[in-house]
Each structure stands twice: as C-alpha cells, then as structure tokens.
C-alpha cells in the first residue's frame, strides 16, 4: 500500500471516529465533552497534514502525517471508550 493510500485510509478512519464521537458526546459527561473539545484542534491538524502530504504540498512537516493520524486516532478511541463506559453506568 502506498503512502498516500495509507494516509487516505487513516484520514477516513479519523473522519468516521469523529462522526461517531460528535453524536456520542452530546449525551456524555462534562469531562468527556471537555476531552472532545481538546481533541478537535488535533483532529484538524491531522486532517490538514494528511491533505498536504497527500497532495505533495508539504515535503517536510516535522511530524509525518501518518504519525499524527495514529496519535489522534488513539486519543479519539480512548475518548470513545470513556463515553461508552459512562453510558453503561
């Protein structure tokens, strides 16, 4: 799989997680809402870097787009799990 395909796949996963969390956070605790608010700039950064990388605009972005995507995805998954656990209580 090429770098662009990996970036696009990761970006698609982030968008799907974001959509899921946008819905779930509406009924979540204030702590989860605050976590979502803090993650949004990171998500935007990941999307921007991935777009730049995919279109070959940025040759060196400090952190690779793939690393940023993985980091943000991990944080989103943790928040999703926390919201799910709150809803079970």
PDB file of N, CA and C in Angstrom:
ATOM      1  N   UNK A   1       0.848  -1.172   0.000  1.00  0.00           N
ATOM      2  CA  UNK A   1       0.000   0.000   0.000  1.00  0.00           C
ATOM      3  C   UNK A   1       0.898   1.241   0.000  1.00  0.00           C
ATOM      4  N   UNK A   2       0.599   2.205  -0.845  1.00  0.00           N
ATOM      5  CA  UNK A   2       1.426   3.407  -0.948  1.00  0.00           C
ATOM      6  C   UNK A   2       1.207   4.326   0.245  1.00  0.00           C
ATOM      7  N   UNK A   3       2.119   5.277   0.409  1.00  0.00           N
ATOM      8  CA  UNK A   3       1.986   6.243   1.497  1.00  0.00           C
ATOM      9  C   UNK A   3       0.671   7.010   1.395  1.00  0.00           C
ATOM     10  N   UNK A   4       0.325   7.443   0.185  1.00  0.00           N
ATOM     11  CA  UNK A   4      -0.923   8.190   0.010  1.00  0.00           C
ATOM     12  C   UNK A   4      -2.143   7.345   0.365  1.00  0.00           C
ATOM     13  N   UNK A   5      -2.107   6.070   0.008  1.00  0.00           N
ATOM     14  CA  UNK A   5      -3.225   5.184   0.354  1.00  0.00           C
ATOM     15  C   UNK A   5      -3.329   5.010   1.862  1.00  0.00           C
ATOM     16  N   UNK A   6      -2.179   4.866   2.528  1.00  0.00           N
ATOM     17  CA  UNK A   6      -2.188   4.738   3.985  1.00  0.00           C
ATOM     18  C   UNK A   6      -2.715   6.006   4.654  1.00  0.00           C
ATOM     19  N   UNK A   7      -2.278   7.145   4.153  1.00  0.00           N
ATOM     20  CA  UNK A   7      -2.749   8.417   4.705  1.00  0.00           C
ATOM     21  C   UNK A   7      -4.248   8.573   4.481  1.00  0.00           C
ATOM     22  N   UNK A   8      -4.710   8.274   3.282  1.00  0.00           N
ATOM     23  CA  UNK A   8      -6.140   8.395   2.996  1.00  0.00           C
ATOM     24  C   UNK A   8      -6.967   7.429   3.839  1.00  0.00           C
ATOM     25  N   UNK A   9      -6.454   6.225   4.045  1.00  0.00           N
ATOM     26  CA  UNK A   9      -7.155   5.251   4.887  1.00  0.00           C
ATOM     27  C   UNK A   9      -7.228   5.765   6.323  1.00  0.00           C
ATOM     28  N   UNK A  10      -6.106   6.252   6.847  1.00  0.00           N
ATOM     29  CA  UNK A  10      -6.083   6.790   8.204  1.00  0.00           C
ATOM     30  C   UNK A  10      -6.998   7.988   8.345  1.00  0.00           C
ATOM     31  N   UNK A  11      -7.007   8.840   7.340  1.00  0.00           N
ATOM     32  CA  UNK A  11      -7.872  10.014   7.367  1.00  0.00           C
ATOM     33  C   UNK A  11      -9.340   9.607   7.357  1.00  0.00           C
ATOM     34  N   UNK A  12      -9.669   8.613   6.573  1.00  0.00           N
ATOM     35  CA  UNK A  12     -11.042   8.106   6.557  1.00  0.00           C
ATOM     36  C   UNK A  12     -11.459   7.548   7.911  1.00  0.00           C
ATOM     37  N   UNK A  13     -10.538   6.846   8.563  1.00  0.00           N
ATOM     38  CA  UNK A  13     -10.828   6.306   9.897  1.00  0.00           C
ATOM     39  C   UNK A  13     -11.048   7.429  10.906  1.00  0.00           C
ATOM     40  N   UNK A  14     -10.222   8.470  10.825  1.00  0.00           N
ATOM     41  CA  UNK A  14     -10.395   9.616  11.733  1.00  0.00           C
ATOM     42  C   UNK A  14     -11.747  10.281  11.518  1.00  0.00           C
ATOM     43  N   UNK A  15     -12.153  10.452  10.271  1.00  0.00           N
ATOM     44  CA  UNK A  15     -13.430  11.088   9.979  1.00  0.00           C
ATOM     45  C   UNK A  15     -14.591  10.253  10.515  1.00  0.00           C
ATOM     46  N   UNK A  16     -14.484   8.937  10.387  1.00  0.00           N
ATOM     47  CA  UNK A  16     -15.537   8.056  10.904  1.00  0.00           C
ATOM     48  C   UNK A  16     -15.609   8.138  12.433  1.00  0.00           C
ATOM     49  N   UNK A  17     -14.451   8.117  13.092  1.00  0.00           N
ATOM     50  CA  UNK A  17     -14.426   8.248  14.547  1.00  0.00           C
ATOM     51  C   UNK A  17     -14.975   9.601  14.984  1.00  0.00           C
ATOM     52  N   UNK A  18     -14.598  10.645  14.261  1.00  0.00           N
ATOM     53  CA  UNK A  18     -15.089  11.979  14.600  1.00  0.00           C
ATOM     54  C   UNK A  18     -16.608  12.020  14.516  1.00  0.00           C
ATOM     55  N   UNK A  19     -17.172  11.471  13.449  1.00  0.00           N
ATOM     56  CA  UNK A  19     -18.621  11.455  13.304  1.00  0.00           C
ATOM     57  C   UNK A  19     -19.305  10.704  14.436  1.00  0.00           C
ATOM     58  N   UNK A  20     -18.735   9.580  14.803  1.00  0.00           N
ATOM     59  CA  UNK A  20     -19.290   8.782  15.900  1.00  0.00           C
ATOM     60  C   UNK A  20     -19.233   9.553  17.219  1.00  0.00           C
ATOM     61  N   UNK A  21     -18.092  10.185  17.473  1.00  0.00           N
ATOM     62  CA  UNK A  21     -17.927  10.904  18.730  1.00  0.00           C
ATOM     63  C   UNK A  21     -18.753  12.183  18.784  1.00  0.00           C
ATOM     64  N   UNK A  22     -18.932  12.851  17.658  1.00  0.00           N
ATOM     65  CA  UNK A  22     -19.766  14.055  17.648  1.00  0.00           C
ATOM     66  C   UNK A  22     -21.173  13.738  18.128  1.00  0.00           C
ATOM     67  N   UNK A  23     -21.678  12.579  17.756  1.00  0.00           N
ATOM     68  CA  UNK A  23     -23.009  12.163  18.197  1.00  0.00           C
ATOM     69  C   UNK A  23     -22.994  11.737  19.665  1.00  0.00           C
ATOM     70  N   UNK A  24     -21.996  10.930  20.042  1.00  0.00           N
ATOM     71  CA  UNK A  24     -21.942  10.384  21.394  1.00  0.00           C
ATOM     72  C   UNK A  24     -21.682  11.450  22.449  1.00  0.00           C
ATOM     73  N   UNK A  25     -20.903  12.456  22.126  1.00  0.00           N
ATOM     74  CA  UNK A  25     -20.507  13.443  23.121  1.00  0.00           C
ATOM     75  C   UNK A  25     -21.689  14.329  23.536  1.00  0.00           C
ATOM     76  N   UNK A  26     -22.718  14.393  22.729  1.00  0.00           N
ATOM     77  CA  UNK A  26     -23.890  15.207  23.064  1.00  0.00           C
ATOM     78  C   UNK A  26     -24.550  14.754  24.360  1.00  0.00           C
ATOM     79  N   UNK A  27     -24.481  13.467  24.656  1.00  0.00           N
ATOM     80  CA  UNK A  27     -25.104  12.945  25.870  1.00  0.00           C
ATOM     81  C   UNK A  27     -24.066  12.513  26.906  1.00  0.00           C
ATOM     82  N   UNK A  28     -22.813  12.855  26.678  1.00  0.00           N
ATOM     83  CA  UNK A  28     -21.725  12.431  27.560  1.00  0.00           C
ATOM     84  C   UNK A  28     -21.556  13.413  28.717  1.00  0.00           C
ATOM     85  N   UNK A  29     -20.683  13.034  29.632  1.00  0.00           N
ATOM     86  CA  UNK A  29     -20.388  13.870  30.793  1.00  0.00           C
ATOM     87  C   UNK A  29     -19.655  15.135  30.369  1.00  0.00           C
ATOM     88  N   UNK A  30     -19.600  16.095  31.276  1.00  0.00           N
ATOM     89  CA  UNK A  30     -18.861  17.326  31.004  1.00  0.00           C
ATOM     90  C   UNK A  30     -17.382  17.026  30.784  1.00  0.00           C
ATOM     91  N   UNK A  31     -16.852  16.045  31.493  1.00  0.00           N
ATOM     92  CA  UNK A  31     -15.445  15.669  31.337  1.00  0.00           C
ATOM     93  C   UNK A  31     -15.181  15.150  29.922  1.00  0.00           C
ATOM     94  N   UNK A  32     -16.071  14.312  29.421  1.00  0.00           N
ATOM     95  CA  UNK A  32     -15.920  13.781  28.060  1.00  0.00           C
ATOM     96  C   UNK A  32     -16.077  14.897  27.033  1.00  0.00           C
ATOM     97  N   UNK A  33     -17.011  15.815  27.267  1.00  0.00           N
ATOM     98  CA  UNK A  33     -17.189  16.946  26.359  1.00  0.00           C
ATOM     99  C   UNK A  33     -15.932  17.803  26.323  1.00  0.00           C
ATOM    100  N   UNK A  34     -15.311  18.000  27.477  1.00  0.00           N
ATOM    101  CA  UNK A  34     -14.075  18.775  27.534  1.00  0.00           C
ATOM    102  C   UNK A  34     -12.957  18.045  26.788  1.00  0.00           C
ATOM    103  N   UNK A  35     -12.890  16.719  26.946  1.00  0.00           N
ATOM    104  CA  UNK A  35     -11.906  15.926  26.215  1.00  0.00           C
ATOM    105  C   UNK A  35     -12.098  16.057  24.714  1.00  0.00           C
ATOM    106  N   UNK A  36     -13.340  16.049  24.265  1.00  0.00           N
ATOM    107  CA  UNK A  36     -13.650  16.202  22.849  1.00  0.00           C
ATOM    108  C   UNK A  36     -13.214  17.577  22.361  1.00  0.00           C
ATOM    109  N   UNK A  37     -13.488  18.590  23.169  1.00  0.00           N
ATOM    110  CA  UNK A  37     -13.125  19.963  22.804  1.00  0.00           C
ATOM    111  C   UNK A  37     -11.606  20.103  22.648  1.00  0.00           C
ATOM    112  N   UNK A  38     -10.855  19.417  23.519  1.00  0.00           N
ATOM    113  CA  UNK A  38      -9.394  19.479  23.461  1.00  0.00           C
ATOM    114  C   UNK A  38      -8.839  18.718  22.254  1.00  0.00           C
ATOM    115  N   UNK A  39      -9.522  17.663  21.831  1.00  0.00           N
ATOM    116  CA  UNK A  39      -9.048  16.856  20.710  1.00  0.00           C
ATOM    117  C   UNK A  39      -9.337  17.481  19.347  1.00  0.00           C
ATOM    118  N   UNK A  40     -10.324  18.328  19.260  1.00  0.00           N
ATOM    119  CA  UNK A  40     -10.718  18.884  17.969  1.00  0.00           C
ATOM    120  C   UNK A  40      -9.571  19.592  17.232  1.00  0.00           C
ATOM    121  N   UNK A  41      -8.755  20.419  17.902  1.00  0.00           N
ATOM    122  CA  UNK A  41      -7.639  21.036  17.159  1.00  0.00           C
ATOM    123  C   UNK A  41      -6.642  20.010  16.628  1.00  0.00           C
ATOM    124  N   UNK A  42      -6.422  18.928  17.379  1.00  0.00           N
ATOM    125  CA  UNK A  42      -5.504  17.877  16.933  1.00  0.00           C
ATOM    126  C   UNK A  42      -6.074  17.155  15.714  1.00  0.00           C
ATOM    127  N   UNK A  43      -7.359  16.937  15.729  1.00  0.00           N
ATOM    128  CA  UNK A  43      -8.021  16.299  14.594  1.00  0.00           C
ATOM    129  C   UNK A  43      -7.904  17.180  13.357  1.00  0.00           C
ATOM    130  N   UNK A  44      -8.125  18.470  13.538  1.00  0.00           N
ATOM    131  CA  UNK A  44      -7.995  19.399  12.413  1.00  0.00           C
ATOM    132  C   UNK A  44      -6.567  19.420  11.886  1.00  0.00           C
ATOM    133  N   UNK A  45      -5.593  19.374  12.806  1.00  0.00           N
ATOM    134  CA  UNK A  45      -4.190  19.361  12.390  1.00  0.00           C
ATOM    135  C   UNK A  45      -3.884  18.098  11.593  1.00  0.00           C
ATOM    136  N   UNK A  46      -4.369  16.969  12.059  1.00  0.00           N
ATOM    137  CA  UNK A  46      -4.123  15.701  11.368  1.00  0.00           C
ATOM    138  C   UNK A  46      -4.722  15.733   9.964  1.00  0.00           C
ATOM    139  N   UNK A  47      -5.936  16.249   9.856  1.00  0.00           N
ATOM    140  CA  UNK A  47      -6.574  16.330   8.544  1.00  0.00           C
ATOM    141  C   UNK A  47      -5.803  17.270   7.618  1.00  0.00           C
ATOM    142  N   UNK A  48      -5.351  18.385   8.143  1.00  0.00           N
ATOM    143  CA  UNK A  48      -4.601  19.344   7.331  1.00  0.00           C
ATOM    144  C   UNK A  48      -3.284  18.736   6.859  1.00  0.00           C
ATOM    145  N   UNK A  49      -2.550  18.103   7.786  1.00  0.00           N
ATOM    146  CA  UNK A  49      -1.281  17.496   7.415  1.00  0.00           C
ATOM    147  C   UNK A  49      -1.468  16.383   6.394  1.00  0.00           C
ATOM    148  N   UNK A  50      -2.497  15.576   6.585  1.00  0.00           N
ATOM    149  CA  UNK A  50      -2.748  14.479   5.656  1.00  0.00           C
ATOM    150  C   UNK A  50      -3.078  15.018   4.270  1.00  0.00           C
ATOM    151  N   UNK A  51      -3.873  16.070   4.219  1.00  0.00           N
ATOM    152  CA  UNK A  51      -4.214  16.663   2.926  1.00  0.00           C
ATOM    153  C   UNK A  51      -2.982  17.235   2.242  1.00  0.00           C
ATOM    154  N   UNK A  52      -2.148  17.925   3.005  1.00  0.00           N
ATOM    155  CA  UNK A  52      -0.930  18.499   2.440  1.00  0.00           C
ATOM    156  C   UNK A  52       0.004  17.402   1.946  1.00  0.00           C
ATOM    157  N   UNK A  53       0.140  16.358   2.758  1.00  0.00           N
ATOM    158  CA  UNK A  53       1.038  15.262   2.392  1.00  0.00           C
ATOM    159  C   UNK A  53       0.523  14.549   1.152  1.00  0.00           C
ATOM    160  N   UNK A  54      -0.767  14.295   1.134  1.00  0.00           N
ATOM    161  CA  UNK A  54      -1.354  13.559   0.007  1.00  0.00           C
ATOM    162  C   UNK A  54      -1.214  14.333  -1.291  1.00  0.00           C
ATOM    163  N   UNK A  55      -1.227  15.646  -1.233  1.00  0.00           N
ATOM    164  CA  UNK A  55      -1.126  16.441  -2.455  1.00  0.00           C
ATOM    165  C   UNK A  55       0.302  16.910  -2.723  1.00  0.00           C
ATOM    166  N   UNK A  56       1.246  16.382  -1.966  1.00  0.00           N
ATOM    167  CA  UNK A  56       2.668  16.690  -2.131  1.00  0.00           C
ATOM    168  C   UNK A  56       2.999  18.176  -1.973  1.00  0.00           C
ATOM    169  N   UNK A  57       2.197  18.910  -1.228  1.00  0.00           N
ATOM    170  CA  UNK A  57       2.484  20.319  -0.973  1.00  0.00           C
ATOM    171  C   UNK A  57       3.588  20.440   0.070  1.00  0.00           C
ATOM    172  N   UNK A  58       3.488  19.604   1.110  1.00  0.00           N
ATOM    173  CA  UNK A  58       4.466  19.686   2.183  1.00  0.00           C
ATOM    174  C   UNK A  58       5.441  18.525   2.070  1.00  0.00           C
ATOM    175  N   UNK A  59       6.725  18.817   1.934  1.00  0.00           N
ATOM    176  CA  UNK A  59       7.732  17.766   1.847  1.00  0.00           C
ATOM    177  C   UNK A  59       8.201  17.362   3.238  1.00  0.00           C
ATOM    178  N   UNK A  60       8.352  18.334   4.078  1.00  0.00           N
ATOM    179  CA  UNK A  60       8.769  18.067   5.448  1.00  0.00           C
ATOM    180  C   UNK A  60       7.830  18.809   6.387  1.00  0.00           C
ATOM    181  N   UNK A  61       7.068  18.081   7.164  1.00  0.00           N
ATOM    182  CA  UNK A  61       6.098  18.716   8.058  1.00  0.00           C
ATOM    183  C   UNK A  61       6.467  18.524   9.520  1.00  0.00           C
ATOM    184  N   UNK A  62       7.688  18.154   9.806  1.00  0.00           N
ATOM    185  CA  UNK A  62       8.077  17.913  11.192  1.00  0.00           C
ATOM    186  C   UNK A  62       7.652  16.523  11.593  1.00  0.00           C
ATOM    187  N   UNK A  63       6.382  16.379  11.882  1.00  0.00           N
ATOM    188  CA  UNK A  63       5.823  15.057  12.166  1.00  0.00           C
ATOM    189  C   UNK A  63       5.202  14.561  10.874  1.00  0.00           C
ATOM    190  N   UNK A  64       5.362  13.296  10.610  1.00  0.00           N
ATOM    191  CA  UNK A  64       4.715  12.783   9.403  1.00  0.00           C
ATOM    192  C   UNK A  64       3.211  12.743   9.618  1.00  0.00           C
ATOM    193  N   UNK A  65       2.466  12.884   8.542  1.00  0.00           N
ATOM    194  CA  UNK A  65       1.011  12.855   8.627  1.00  0.00           C
ATOM    195  C   UNK A  65       0.540  11.538   9.232  1.00  0.00           C
ATOM    196  N   UNK A  66       1.215  10.457   8.886  1.00  0.00           N
ATOM    197  CA  UNK A  66       0.825   9.155   9.431  1.00  0.00           C
ATOM    198  C   UNK A  66       0.945   9.097  10.939  1.00  0.00           C
ATOM    199  N   UNK A  67       2.022   9.667  11.483  1.00  0.00           N
ATOM    200  CA  UNK A  67       2.201   9.680  12.935  1.00  0.00           C
ATOM    201  C   UNK A  67       1.110  10.497  13.614  1.00  0.00           C
ATOM    202  N   UNK A  68       0.775  11.631  13.046  1.00  0.00           N
ATOM    203  CA  UNK A  68      -0.266  12.476  13.618  1.00  0.00           C
ATOM    204  C   UNK A  68      -1.608  11.753  13.578  1.00  0.00           C
ATOM    205  N   UNK A  69      -1.902  11.097  12.463  1.00  0.00           N
ATOM    206  CA  UNK A  69      -3.164  10.364  12.340  1.00  0.00           C
ATOM    207  C   UNK A  69      -3.248   9.275  13.404  1.00  0.00           C
ATOM    208  N   UNK A  70      -2.182   8.519  13.573  1.00  0.00           N
ATOM    209  CA  UNK A  70      -2.186   7.434  14.562  1.00  0.00           C
ATOM    210  C   UNK A  70      -2.388   8.007  15.966  1.00  0.00           C
ATOM    211  N   UNK A  71      -1.697   9.101  16.276  1.00  0.00           N
ATOM    212  CA  UNK A  71      -1.819   9.708  17.599  1.00  0.00           C
ATOM    213  C   UNK A  71      -3.233  10.200  17.860  1.00  0.00           C
ATOM    214  N   UNK A  72      -3.807  10.915  16.917  1.00  0.00           N
ATOM    215  CA  UNK A  72      -5.156  11.441  17.102  1.00  0.00           C
ATOM    216  C   UNK A  72      -6.167  10.304  17.154  1.00  0.00           C
ATOM    217  N   UNK A  73      -5.991   9.294  16.302  1.00  0.00           N
ATOM    218  CA  UNK A  73      -6.912   8.157  16.316  1.00  0.00           C
ATOM    219  C   UNK A  73      -6.899   7.483  17.678  1.00  0.00           C
ATOM    220  N   UNK A  74      -5.721   7.297  18.264  1.00  0.00           N
ATOM    221  CA  UNK A  74      -5.604   6.688  19.588  1.00  0.00           C
ATOM    222  C   UNK A  74      -6.347   7.511  20.633  1.00  0.00           C
ATOM    223  N   UNK A  75      -6.181   8.820  20.584  1.00  0.00           N
ATOM    224  CA  UNK A  75      -6.869   9.686  21.541  1.00  0.00           C
ATOM    225  C   UNK A  75      -8.382   9.640  21.349  1.00  0.00           C
ATOM    226  N   UNK A  76      -8.838   9.630  20.105  1.00  0.00           N
ATOM    227  CA  UNK A  76     -10.271   9.548  19.832  1.00  0.00           C
ATOM    228  C   UNK A  76     -10.847   8.218  20.305  1.00  0.00           C
ATOM    229  N   UNK A  77     -10.120   7.140  20.096  1.00  0.00           N
ATOM    230  CA  UNK A  77     -10.589   5.828  20.538  1.00  0.00           C
ATOM    231  C   UNK A  77     -10.691   5.769  22.058  1.00  0.00           C
ATOM    232  N   UNK A  78      -9.745   6.377  22.764  1.00  0.00           N
ATOM    233  CA  UNK A  78      -9.803   6.419  24.232  1.00  0.00           C
ATOM    234  C   UNK A  78     -11.020   7.204  24.700  1.00  0.00           C
ATOM    235  N   UNK A  79     -11.282   8.339  24.053  1.00  0.00           N
ATOM    236  CA  UNK A  79     -12.446   9.135  24.419  1.00  0.00           C
ATOM    237  C   UNK A  79     -13.723   8.365  24.128  1.00  0.00           C
ATOM    238  N   UNK A  80     -13.780   7.684  22.989  1.00  0.00           N
ATOM    239  CA  UNK A  80     -14.953   6.881  22.644  1.00  0.00           C
ATOM    240  C   UNK A  80     -15.197   5.820  23.708  1.00  0.00           C
ATOM    241  N   UNK A  81     -14.150   5.155  24.160  1.00  0.00           N
ATOM    242  CA  UNK A  81     -14.281   4.118  25.188  1.00  0.00           C
ATOM    243  C   UNK A  81     -14.775   4.710  26.505  1.00  0.00           C
ATOM    244  N   UNK A  82     -14.259   5.887  26.859  1.00  0.00           N
ATOM    245  CA  UNK A  82     -14.688   6.540  28.102  1.00  0.00           C
ATOM    246  C   UNK A  82     -16.167   6.894  28.039  1.00  0.00           C
ATOM    247  N   UNK A  83     -16.624   7.399  26.880  1.00  0.00           N
ATOM    248  CA  UNK A  83     -18.038   7.742  26.723  1.00  0.00           C
ATOM    249  C   UNK A  83     -18.896   6.485  26.799  1.00  0.00           C
ATOM    250  N   UNK A  84     -18.455   5.427  26.161  1.00  0.00           N
ATOM    251  CA  UNK A  84     -19.205   4.165  26.203  1.00  0.00           C
ATOM    252  C   UNK A  84     -19.330   3.655  27.642  1.00  0.00           C
ATOM    253  N   UNK A  85     -18.238   3.732  28.393  1.00  0.00           N
ATOM    254  CA  UNK A  85     -18.268   3.270  29.784  1.00  0.00           C
ATOM    255  C   UNK A  85     -19.198   4.132  30.635  1.00  0.00           C
ATOM    256  N   UNK A  86     -19.234   5.430  30.368  1.00  0.00           N
ATOM    257  CA  UNK A  86     -20.143   6.314  31.108  1.00  0.00           C
ATOM    258  C   UNK A  86     -21.598   5.946  30.819  1.00  0.00           C
ATOM    259  N   UNK A  87     -21.874   5.634  29.562  1.00  0.00           N
ATOM    260  CA  UNK A  87     -23.254   5.311  29.181  1.00  0.00           C
ATOM    261  C   UNK A  87     -23.711   3.975  29.759  1.00  0.00           C
ATOM    262  N   UNK A  88     -22.781   3.096  30.110  1.00  0.00           N
ATOM    263  CA  UNK A  88     -23.126   1.817  30.718  1.00  0.00           C
ATOM    264  C   UNK A  88     -23.477   1.986  32.190  1.00  0.00           C
ATOM    265  N   UNK A  89     -22.932   3.020  32.806  1.00  0.00           N
ATOM    266  CA  UNK A  89     -23.131   3.240  34.262  1.00  0.00           C
ATOM    267  C   UNK A  89     -24.517   3.714  34.568  1.00  0.00           C
TER     268      UNK A  89
END
